[in-house]
PDB file of N, CA and C in Angstrom:
ATOM      1  N   UNK A   1      23.183  -0.713   9.790  1.00  0.00           N
ATOM      2  CA  UNK A   1      24.493  -0.067   9.714  1.00  0.00           C
ATOM      3  C   UNK A   1      24.293   1.331  10.320  1.00  0.00           C
ATOM      4  N   UNK A   2      25.076   1.729  11.222  1.00  0.00           N
ATOM      5  CA  UNK A   2      24.997   2.953  12.002  1.00  0.00           C
ATOM      6  C   UNK A   2      26.079   3.778  11.412  1.00  0.00           C
ATOM      7  N   UNK A   3      25.685   5.039  11.088  1.00  0.00           N
ATOM      8  CA  UNK A   3      26.662   6.093  10.536  1.00  0.00           C
ATOM      9  C   UNK A   3      26.950   7.167  11.643  1.00  0.00           C
ATOM     10  N   UNK A   4      28.187   7.541  11.663  1.00  0.00           N
ATOM     11  CA  UNK A   4      28.611   8.701  12.504  1.00  0.00           C
ATOM     12  C   UNK A   4      28.586   9.895  11.579  1.00  0.00           C
ATOM     13  N   UNK A   5      27.685  10.725  11.780  1.00  0.00           N
ATOM     14  CA  UNK A   5      27.577  11.866  10.840  1.00  0.00           C
ATOM     15  C   UNK A   5      28.348  13.236  11.529  1.00  0.00           C
ATOM     16  N   UNK A   6      29.166  13.769  10.744  1.00  0.00           N
ATOM     17  CA  UNK A   6      30.022  14.840  11.261  1.00  0.00           C
ATOM     18  C   UNK A   6      29.921  16.032  10.072  1.00  0.00           C
ATOM     19  N   UNK A   7      30.253  17.123  10.513  1.00  0.00           N
ATOM     20  CA  UNK A   7      30.525  18.177   9.622  1.00  0.00           C
ATOM     21  C   UNK A   7      31.502  18.063   8.529  1.00  0.00           C
ATOM     22  N   UNK A   8      32.492  17.082   8.806  1.00  0.00           N
ATOM     23  CA  UNK A   8      33.623  16.796   7.914  1.00  0.00           C
ATOM     24  C   UNK A   8      33.376  15.613   6.993  1.00  0.00           C
ATOM     25  N   UNK A   9      32.257  14.960   7.238  1.00  0.00           N
ATOM     26  CA  UNK A   9      31.927  13.877   6.572  1.00  0.00           C
ATOM     27  C   UNK A   9      31.353  12.600   7.292  1.00  0.00           C
ATOM     28  N   UNK A  10      30.836  11.580   6.791  1.00  0.00           N
ATOM     29  CA  UNK A  10      30.209  10.649   7.558  1.00  0.00           C
ATOM     30  C   UNK A  10      31.165   9.273   7.545  1.00  0.00           C
ATOM     31  N   UNK A  11      31.004   8.531   8.619  1.00  0.00           N
ATOM     32  CA  UNK A  11      31.822   7.302   8.864  1.00  0.00           C
ATOM     33  C   UNK A  11      30.884   6.274   9.277  1.00  0.00           C
ATOM     34  N   UNK A  12      31.135   5.058   8.718  1.00  0.00           N
ATOM     35  CA  UNK A  12      30.378   3.931   9.247  1.00  0.00           C
ATOM     36  C   UNK A  12      30.971   3.427  10.448  1.00  0.00           C
ATOM     37  N   UNK A  13      30.036   3.216  11.471  1.00  0.00           N
ATOM     38  CA  UNK A  13      30.439   2.725  12.720  1.00  0.00           C
ATOM     39  C   UNK A  13      31.052   1.335  12.678  1.00  0.00           C
ATOM     40  N   UNK A  14      32.305   1.273  12.935  1.00  0.00           N
ATOM     41  CA  UNK A  14      33.020  -0.103  12.912  1.00  0.00           C
ATOM     42  C   UNK A  14      34.280   0.029  13.818  1.00  0.00           C
ATOM     43  N   UNK A  15      34.984  -1.053  13.703  1.00  0.00           N
ATOM     44  CA  UNK A  15      36.295  -1.084  14.516  1.00  0.00           C
ATOM     45  C   UNK A  15      37.243  -0.170  14.078  1.00  0.00           C
ATOM     46  N   UNK A  16      37.084   0.458  12.882  1.00  0.00           N
ATOM     47  CA  UNK A  16      38.001   1.437  12.420  1.00  0.00           C
ATOM     48  C   UNK A  16      37.389   2.912  12.357  1.00  0.00           C
ATOM     49  N   UNK A  17      36.225   3.024  13.053  1.00  0.00           N
ATOM     50  CA  UNK A  17      35.766   4.288  13.092  1.00  0.00           C
ATOM     51  C   UNK A  17      36.610   5.500  13.609  1.00  0.00           C
ATOM     52  N   UNK A  18      37.306   5.107  14.763  1.00  0.00           N
ATOM     53  CA  UNK A  18      38.141   6.171  15.354  1.00  0.00           C
ATOM     54  C   UNK A  18      39.079   6.640  14.261  1.00  0.00           C
ATOM     55  N   UNK A  19      39.841   5.682  13.708  1.00  0.00           N
ATOM     56  CA  UNK A  19      40.812   5.985  12.681  1.00  0.00           C
ATOM     57  C   UNK A  19      40.323   6.730  11.467  1.00  0.00           C
ATOM     58  N   UNK A  20      39.106   6.329  11.156  1.00  0.00           N
ATOM     59  CA  UNK A  20      38.477   6.820  10.007  1.00  0.00           C
ATOM     60  C   UNK A  20      38.098   8.383  10.277  1.00  0.00           C
ATOM     61  N   UNK A  21      37.717   8.651  11.475  1.00  0.00           N
ATOM     62  CA  UNK A  21      37.271  10.127  11.840  1.00  0.00           C
ATOM     63  C   UNK A  21      38.483  10.878  11.746  1.00  0.00           C
ATOM     64  N   UNK A  22      39.563  10.378  12.345  1.00  0.00           N
ATOM     65  CA  UNK A  22      40.940  11.055  12.437  1.00  0.00           C
ATOM     66  C   UNK A  22      41.372  11.324  10.899  1.00  0.00           C
ATOM     67  N   UNK A  23      41.193  10.335  10.155  1.00  0.00           N
ATOM     68  CA  UNK A  23      41.583  10.580   8.680  1.00  0.00           C
ATOM     69  C   UNK A  23      40.650  11.624   7.996  1.00  0.00           C
ATOM     70  N   UNK A  24      39.435  11.870   8.549  1.00  0.00           N
ATOM     71  CA  UNK A  24      38.604  12.998   7.924  1.00  0.00           C
ATOM     72  C   UNK A  24      39.091  14.279   8.413  1.00  0.00           C
ATOM     73  N   UNK A  25      39.963  14.335   9.459  1.00  0.00           N
ATOM     74  CA  UNK A  25      40.492  15.623   9.907  1.00  0.00           C
ATOM     75  C   UNK A  25      40.029  15.937  11.307  1.00  0.00           C
ATOM     76  N   UNK A  26      39.322  15.068  11.999  1.00  0.00           N
ATOM     77  CA  UNK A  26      38.969  15.214  13.484  1.00  0.00           C
ATOM     78  C   UNK A  26      40.143  15.091  14.403  1.00  0.00           C
ATOM     79  N   UNK A  27      40.223  15.708  15.418  1.00  0.00           N
ATOM     80  CA  UNK A  27      41.422  15.452  16.346  1.00  0.00           C
ATOM     81  C   UNK A  27      40.956  14.092  17.074  1.00  0.00           C
ATOM     82  N   UNK A  28      42.022  13.507  17.646  1.00  0.00           N
ATOM     83  CA  UNK A  28      41.729  12.169  18.370  1.00  0.00           C
ATOM     84  C   UNK A  28      40.648  12.405  19.434  1.00  0.00           C
ATOM     85  N   UNK A  29      40.857  13.517  20.182  1.00  0.00           N
ATOM     86  CA  UNK A  29      39.953  13.757  21.151  1.00  0.00           C
ATOM     87  C   UNK A  29      38.411  13.835  20.696  1.00  0.00           C
ATOM     88  N   UNK A  30      38.372  14.557  19.669  1.00  0.00           N
ATOM     89  CA  UNK A  30      36.889  14.712  19.064  1.00  0.00           C
ATOM     90  C   UNK A  30      36.393  13.450  18.468  1.00  0.00           C
ATOM     91  N   UNK A  31      37.376  12.682  17.895  1.00  0.00           N
ATOM     92  CA  UNK A  31      36.987  11.357  17.364  1.00  0.00           C
ATOM     93  C   UNK A  31      36.455  10.434  18.444  1.00  0.00           C
ATOM     94  N   UNK A  32      37.188  10.437  19.506  1.00  0.00           N
ATOM     95  CA  UNK A  32      36.681   9.650  20.654  1.00  0.00           C
ATOM     96  C   UNK A  32      35.367   9.974  21.185  1.00  0.00           C
ATOM     97  N   UNK A  33      35.155  11.389  21.245  1.00  0.00           N
ATOM     98  CA  UNK A  33      33.837  11.877  21.764  1.00  0.00           C
ATOM     99  C   UNK A  33      32.798  11.397  20.722  1.00  0.00           C
ATOM    100  N   UNK A  34      32.980  11.545  19.470  1.00  0.00           N
ATOM    101  CA  UNK A  34      31.922  11.103  18.458  1.00  0.00           C
ATOM    102  C   UNK A  34      31.751   9.613  18.484  1.00  0.00           C
ATOM    103  N   UNK A  35      32.767   8.736  18.772  1.00  0.00           N
ATOM    104  CA  UNK A  35      32.564   7.393  18.893  1.00  0.00           C
ATOM    105  C   UNK A  35      31.797   7.038  20.084  1.00  0.00           C
ATOM    106  N   UNK A  36      32.005   7.644  21.308  1.00  0.00           N
ATOM    107  CA  UNK A  36      31.293   7.578  22.455  1.00  0.00           C
ATOM    108  C   UNK A  36      29.912   7.918  22.341  1.00  0.00           C
ATOM    109  N   UNK A  37      29.628   8.993  21.594  1.00  0.00           N
ATOM    110  CA  UNK A  37      28.350   9.400  21.410  1.00  0.00           C
ATOM    111  C   UNK A  37      27.546   8.464  20.487  1.00  0.00           C
ATOM    112  N   UNK A  38      28.161   7.918  19.541  1.00  0.00           N
ATOM    113  CA  UNK A  38      27.581   7.014  18.567  1.00  0.00           C
ATOM    114  C   UNK A  38      27.091   5.635  19.359  1.00  0.00           C
ATOM    115  N   UNK A  39      27.958   5.266  20.388  1.00  0.00           N
ATOM    116  CA  UNK A  39      27.644   4.010  21.163  1.00  0.00           C
ATOM    117  C   UNK A  39      26.419   4.472  21.969  1.00  0.00           C
ATOM    118  N   UNK A  40      26.549   5.622  22.639  1.00  0.00           N
ATOM    119  CA  UNK A  40      25.337   5.958  23.508  1.00  0.00           C
ATOM    120  C   UNK A  40      24.076   6.041  22.690  1.00  0.00           C
ATOM    121  N   UNK A  41      24.030   6.528  21.458  1.00  0.00           N
ATOM    122  CA  UNK A  41      22.900   6.592  20.640  1.00  0.00           C
ATOM    123  C   UNK A  41      22.453   5.236  20.316  1.00  0.00           C
ATOM    124  N   UNK A  42      23.273   4.313  20.023  1.00  0.00           N
ATOM    125  CA  UNK A  42      23.021   2.915  19.636  1.00  0.00           C
ATOM    126  C   UNK A  42      22.251   2.326  20.738  1.00  0.00           C
ATOM    127  N   UNK A  43      22.978   2.543  22.073  1.00  0.00           N
ATOM    128  CA  UNK A  43      22.274   1.945  23.160  1.00  0.00           C
ATOM    129  C   UNK A  43      20.954   2.339  23.555  1.00  0.00           C
ATOM    130  N   UNK A  44      20.663   3.652  23.354  1.00  0.00           N
ATOM    131  CA  UNK A  44      19.332   4.238  23.487  1.00  0.00           C
ATOM    132  C   UNK A  44      18.422   3.675  22.509  1.00  0.00           C
ATOM    133  N   UNK A  45      18.683   3.653  21.316  1.00  0.00           N
ATOM    134  CA  UNK A  45      17.821   3.236  20.309  1.00  0.00           C
ATOM    135  C   UNK A  45      17.509   1.737  20.429  1.00  0.00           C
ATOM    136  N   UNK A  46      18.434   0.820  20.976  1.00  0.00           N
ATOM    137  CA  UNK A  46      18.275  -0.451  21.491  1.00  0.00           C
ATOM    138  C   UNK A  46      17.191  -0.620  22.443  1.00  0.00           C
ATOM    139  N   UNK A  47      17.318   0.213  23.473  1.00  0.00           N
ATOM    140  CA  UNK A  47      16.333   0.227  24.702  1.00  0.00           C
ATOM    141  C   UNK A  47      14.933   0.657  24.146  1.00  0.00           C
ATOM    142  N   UNK A  48      14.827   1.680  23.257  1.00  0.00           N
ATOM    143  CA  UNK A  48      13.512   2.127  22.718  1.00  0.00           C
ATOM    144  C   UNK A  48      12.914   1.032  21.951  1.00  0.00           C
ATOM    145  N   UNK A  49      13.662   0.295  21.081  1.00  0.00           N
ATOM    146  CA  UNK A  49      13.013  -0.714  20.356  1.00  0.00           C
ATOM    147  C   UNK A  49      12.533  -1.868  21.140  1.00  0.00           C
ATOM    148  N   UNK A  50      13.351  -2.105  22.260  1.00  0.00           N
ATOM    149  CA  UNK A  50      13.036  -3.119  23.135  1.00  0.00           C
ATOM    150  C   UNK A  50      11.733  -2.765  23.888  1.00  0.00           C
ATOM    151  N   UNK A  51      11.532  -1.622  24.274  1.00  0.00           N
ATOM    152  CA  UNK A  51      10.308  -1.021  24.980  1.00  0.00           C
ATOM    153  C   UNK A  51       9.142  -1.141  24.080  1.00  0.00           C
ATOM    154  N   UNK A  52       9.307  -0.759  22.777  1.00  0.00           N
ATOM    155  CA  UNK A  52       8.252  -0.728  21.848  1.00  0.00           C
ATOM    156  C   UNK A  52       7.651  -2.271  21.650  1.00  0.00           C
ATOM    157  N   UNK A  53       8.558  -3.077  21.613  1.00  0.00           N
ATOM    158  CA  UNK A  53       8.092  -4.523  21.398  1.00  0.00           C
ATOM    159  C   UNK A  53       7.370  -4.961  22.574  1.00  0.00           C
ATOM    160  N   UNK A  54       8.031  -4.700  23.801  1.00  0.00           N
ATOM    161  CA  UNK A  54       7.295  -5.101  25.067  1.00  0.00           C
ATOM    162  C   UNK A  54       5.872  -4.529  25.135  1.00  0.00           C
ATOM    163  N   UNK A  55       5.856  -3.188  24.974  1.00  0.00           N
ATOM    164  CA  UNK A  55       4.609  -2.458  25.027  1.00  0.00           C
ATOM    165  C   UNK A  55       3.644  -3.139  24.011  1.00  0.00           C
ATOM    166  N   UNK A  56       4.027  -3.339  22.912  1.00  0.00           N
ATOM    167  CA  UNK A  56       3.091  -3.860  21.870  1.00  0.00           C
ATOM    168  C   UNK A  56       2.502  -5.359  22.365  1.00  0.00           C
ATOM    169  N   UNK A  57       3.456  -6.173  22.855  1.00  0.00           N
ATOM    170  CA  UNK A  57       3.034  -7.521  23.174  1.00  0.00           C
ATOM    171  C   UNK A  57       2.488  -7.615  24.566  1.00  0.00           C
ATOM    172  N   UNK A  58       2.953  -6.765  25.561  1.00  0.00           N
ATOM    173  CA  UNK A  58       2.392  -6.920  26.940  1.00  0.00           C
ATOM    174  C   UNK A  58       1.553  -5.844  27.498  1.00  0.00           C
ATOM    175  N   UNK A  59       1.721  -4.571  27.096  1.00  0.00           N
ATOM    176  CA  UNK A  59       1.015  -3.534  27.728  1.00  0.00           C
ATOM    177  C   UNK A  59      -0.211  -3.120  26.861  1.00  0.00           C
ATOM    178  N   UNK A  60      -0.028  -3.105  25.601  1.00  0.00           N
ATOM    179  CA  UNK A  60      -1.083  -2.790  24.793  1.00  0.00           C
ATOM    180  C   UNK A  60      -2.524  -3.543  24.912  1.00  0.00           C
ATOM    181  N   UNK A  61      -2.410  -4.894  25.081  1.00  0.00           N
ATOM    182  CA  UNK A  61      -3.535  -5.676  25.382  1.00  0.00           C
ATOM    183  C   UNK A  61      -4.221  -5.336  26.658  1.00  0.00           C
ATOM    184  N   UNK A  62      -3.430  -4.908  27.704  1.00  0.00           N
ATOM    185  CA  UNK A  62      -3.908  -4.427  28.911  1.00  0.00           C
ATOM    186  C   UNK A  62      -4.614  -3.022  28.763  1.00  0.00           C
ATOM    187  N   UNK A  63      -4.025  -2.245  27.920  1.00  0.00           N
ATOM    188  CA  UNK A  63      -4.570  -0.898  27.722  1.00  0.00           C
ATOM    189  C   UNK A  63      -6.007  -0.978  26.974  1.00  0.00           C
ATOM    190  N   UNK A  64      -6.036  -1.926  26.051  1.00  0.00           N
ATOM    191  CA  UNK A  64      -7.359  -2.117  25.392  1.00  0.00           C
ATOM    192  C   UNK A  64      -8.309  -2.657  26.357  1.00  0.00           C
ATOM    193  N   UNK A  65      -8.044  -3.604  27.256  1.00  0.00           N
ATOM    194  CA  UNK A  65      -8.851  -4.158  28.210  1.00  0.00           C
ATOM    195  C   UNK A  65      -9.355  -2.981  29.011  1.00  0.00           C
ATOM    196  N   UNK A  66      -8.568  -2.138  29.512  1.00  0.00           N
ATOM    197  CA  UNK A  66      -8.954  -0.922  30.364  1.00  0.00           C
ATOM    198  C   UNK A  66      -9.894  -0.045  29.564  1.00  0.00           C
ATOM    199  N   UNK A  67      -9.548   0.222  28.284  1.00  0.00           N
ATOM    200  CA  UNK A  67     -10.514   1.033  27.478  1.00  0.00           C
ATOM    201  C   UNK A  67     -11.825   0.447  27.420  1.00  0.00           C
ATOM    202  N   UNK A  68     -11.946  -0.852  27.223  1.00  0.00           N
ATOM    203  CA  UNK A  68     -13.137  -1.511  27.217  1.00  0.00           C
ATOM    204  C   UNK A  68     -13.935  -1.480  28.462  1.00  0.00           C
ATOM    205  N   UNK A  69     -13.149  -1.959  29.551  1.00  0.00           N
ATOM    206  CA  UNK A  69     -13.811  -2.188  30.844  1.00  0.00           C
ATOM    207  C   UNK A  69     -14.011  -0.745  31.623  1.00  0.00           C
ATOM    208  N   UNK A  70     -13.041   0.032  31.455  1.00  0.00           N
ATOM    209  CA  UNK A  70     -13.085   1.441  32.335  1.00  0.00           C
ATOM    210  C   UNK A  70     -13.080   1.124  33.724  1.00  0.00           C
ATOM    211  N   UNK A  71     -12.373   0.130  34.174  1.00  0.00           N
ATOM    212  CA  UNK A  71     -12.351  -0.109  35.599  1.00  0.00           C
ATOM    213  C   UNK A  71     -10.976   0.412  36.157  1.00  0.00           C
ATOM    214  N   UNK A  72     -11.030   0.780  37.461  1.00  0.00           N
ATOM    215  CA  UNK A  72      -9.756   1.172  38.100  1.00  0.00           C
ATOM    216  C   UNK A  72      -8.648  -0.015  38.112  1.00  0.00           C
ATOM    217  N   UNK A  73      -9.070  -1.157  38.244  1.00  0.00           N
ATOM    218  CA  UNK A  73      -8.264  -2.414  38.316  1.00  0.00           C
ATOM    219  C   UNK A  73      -7.578  -2.657  36.951  1.00  0.00           C
ATOM    220  N   UNK A  74      -8.412  -2.498  35.806  1.00  0.00           N
ATOM    221  CA  UNK A  74      -7.780  -2.558  34.540  1.00  0.00           C
ATOM    222  C   UNK A  74      -6.894  -1.526  34.222  1.00  0.00           C
ATOM    223  N   UNK A  75      -7.092  -0.284  34.675  1.00  0.00           N
ATOM    224  CA  UNK A  75      -6.191   0.719  34.463  1.00  0.00           C
ATOM    225  C   UNK A  75      -4.930   0.542  35.271  1.00  0.00           C
ATOM    226  N   UNK A  76      -4.961   0.092  36.527  1.00  0.00           N
ATOM    227  CA  UNK A  76      -3.882  -0.062  37.291  1.00  0.00           C
ATOM    228  C   UNK A  76      -2.946  -1.349  36.716  1.00  0.00           C
ATOM    229  N   UNK A  77      -3.545  -2.351  36.117  1.00  0.00           N
ATOM    230  CA  UNK A  77      -2.997  -3.468  35.568  1.00  0.00           C
ATOM    231  C   UNK A  77      -2.026  -2.973  34.504  1.00  0.00           C
ATOM    232  N   UNK A  78      -2.651  -2.107  33.614  1.00  0.00           N
ATOM    233  CA  UNK A  78      -1.881  -1.538  32.403  1.00  0.00           C
ATOM    234  C   UNK A  78      -0.821  -0.661  32.951  1.00  0.00           C
ATOM    235  N   UNK A  79      -1.042   0.286  33.853  1.00  0.00           N
ATOM    236  CA  UNK A  79       0.028   1.246  34.331  1.00  0.00           C
ATOM    237  C   UNK A  79       1.169   0.452  35.028  1.00  0.00           C
ATOM    238  N   UNK A  80       0.816  -0.660  35.734  1.00  0.00           N
ATOM    239  CA  UNK A  80       1.839  -1.478  36.346  1.00  0.00           C
ATOM    240  C   UNK A  80       2.694  -2.142  35.290  1.00  0.00           C
ATOM    241  N   UNK A  81       2.127  -2.637  34.313  1.00  0.00           N
ATOM    242  CA  UNK A  81       2.845  -3.321  33.166  1.00  0.00           C
ATOM    243  C   UNK A  81       3.766  -2.358  32.570  1.00  0.00           C
ATOM    244  N   UNK A  82       3.389  -1.100  32.358  1.00  0.00           N
ATOM    245  CA  UNK A  82       4.181  -0.006  31.651  1.00  0.00           C
ATOM    246  C   UNK A  82       5.400   0.227  32.638  1.00  0.00           C
ATOM    247  N   UNK A  83       5.267   0.332  33.849  1.00  0.00           N
ATOM    248  CA  UNK A  83       6.236   0.516  34.820  1.00  0.00           C
ATOM    249  C   UNK A  83       7.277  -0.622  34.842  1.00  0.00           C
ATOM    250  N   UNK A  84       6.687  -1.877  34.848  1.00  0.00           N
ATOM    251  CA  UNK A  84       7.528  -3.170  34.672  1.00  0.00           C
ATOM    252  C   UNK A  84       8.559  -3.070  33.555  1.00  0.00           C
ATOM    253  N   UNK A  85       7.824  -2.733  32.391  1.00  0.00           N
ATOM    254  CA  UNK A  85       8.658  -2.607  31.185  1.00  0.00           C
ATOM    255  C   UNK A  85       9.815  -1.506  31.180  1.00  0.00           C
ATOM    256  N   UNK A  86       9.355  -0.467  31.783  1.00  0.00           N
ATOM    257  CA  UNK A  86      10.417   0.691  31.912  1.00  0.00           C
ATOM    258  C   UNK A  86      11.575   0.193  32.784  1.00  0.00           C
ATOM    259  N   UNK A  87      11.311  -0.575  33.813  1.00  0.00           N
ATOM    260  CA  UNK A  87      12.225  -0.942  34.789  1.00  0.00           C
ATOM    261  C   UNK A  87      13.146  -2.083  34.130  1.00  0.00           C
ATOM    262  N   UNK A  88      12.480  -2.929  33.381  1.00  0.00           N
ATOM    263  CA  UNK A  88      13.229  -4.068  32.545  1.00  0.00           C
ATOM    264  C   UNK A  88      14.125  -3.507  31.509  1.00  0.00           C
ATOM    265  N   UNK A  89      13.768  -2.504  30.886  1.00  0.00           N
ATOM    266  CA  UNK A  89      14.519  -1.843  29.782  1.00  0.00           C
ATOM    267  C   UNK A  89      14.849  -0.397  30.111  1.00  0.00           C
ATOM    268  N   UNK A  90      15.620  -0.146  31.224  1.00  0.00           N
ATOM    269  CA  UNK A  90      15.882   1.258  31.530  1.00  0.00           C
ATOM    270  C   UNK A  90      16.740   2.102  30.553  1.00  0.00           C
ATOM    271  N   UNK A  91      16.418   3.343  30.321  1.00  0.00           N
ATOM    272  CA  UNK A  91      17.171   4.192  29.450  1.00  0.00           C
ATOM    273  C   UNK A  91      18.519   4.261  29.909  1.00  0.00           C
ATOM    274  N   UNK A  92      19.713   4.225  29.239  1.00  0.00           N
ATOM    275  CA  UNK A  92      20.974   4.476  29.615  1.00  0.00           C
ATOM    276  C   UNK A  92      21.145   5.757  30.317  1.00  0.00           C
ATOM    277  N   UNK A  93      21.977   5.883  31.275  1.00  0.00           N
ATOM    278  CA  UNK A  93      22.122   7.185  31.861  1.00  0.00           C
ATOM    279  C   UNK A  93      23.048   8.083  31.009  1.00  0.00           C
ATOM    280  N   UNK A  94      22.707   9.311  31.039  1.00  0.00           N
ATOM    281  CA  UNK A  94      23.500  10.271  30.132  1.00  0.00           C
ATOM    282  C   UNK A  94      24.945  10.344  30.770  1.00  0.00           C
ATOM    283  N   UNK A  95      25.935  10.172  30.007  1.00  0.00           N
ATOM    284  CA  UNK A  95      27.250  10.303  30.490  1.00  0.00           C
ATOM    285  C   UNK A  95      27.907  11.612  30.118  1.00  0.00           C
ATOM    286  N   UNK A  96      28.599  12.365  30.923  1.00  0.00           N
ATOM    287  CA  UNK A  96      29.248  13.584  30.607  1.00  0.00           C
ATOM    288  C   UNK A  96      30.348  13.348  29.505  1.00  0.00           C
ATOM    289  N   UNK A  97      30.393  14.274  28.497  1.00  0.00           N
ATOM    290  CA  UNK A  97      31.318  14.164  27.391  1.00  0.00           C
ATOM    291  C   UNK A  97      32.792  14.296  28.100  1.00  0.00           C
ATOM    292  N   UNK A  98      33.597  13.187  27.575  1.00  0.00           N
ATOM    293  CA  UNK A  98      34.958  13.230  28.036  1.00  0.00           C
ATOM    294  C   UNK A  98      35.913  14.262  27.481  1.00  0.00           C
TER     295      UNK A  98
END
C-alpha cells in the first residue's frame, strides 16, 4: 500500500486519492501534482525492484565468475549483462511538474 505523505496529512494511494487530498485542504492543482508524483515514485520503485531481481539472477553470477577468473572476458560478460538489464528496465524519465 503506497501512501501519499503531505504536510496536511497522509492519504492512501487509491482511486479516491485526489478527492482525499482536496478534502485534507490541498488545492486541486496541488493534489494533482501530488498524485502524479506518487505515480512517478511507484514507477521508479517498480523499475528498481525489477533491476534488483535481474541483477541477482543474471548479473551477480557473472560478477562472481569474473572475481574468480579475473579475466577481461569475464569482466566484459558481467558489464554487458548489467547494461542489458539497465536497457530492459529503464528508469522512467523525470517529468516536469504540471
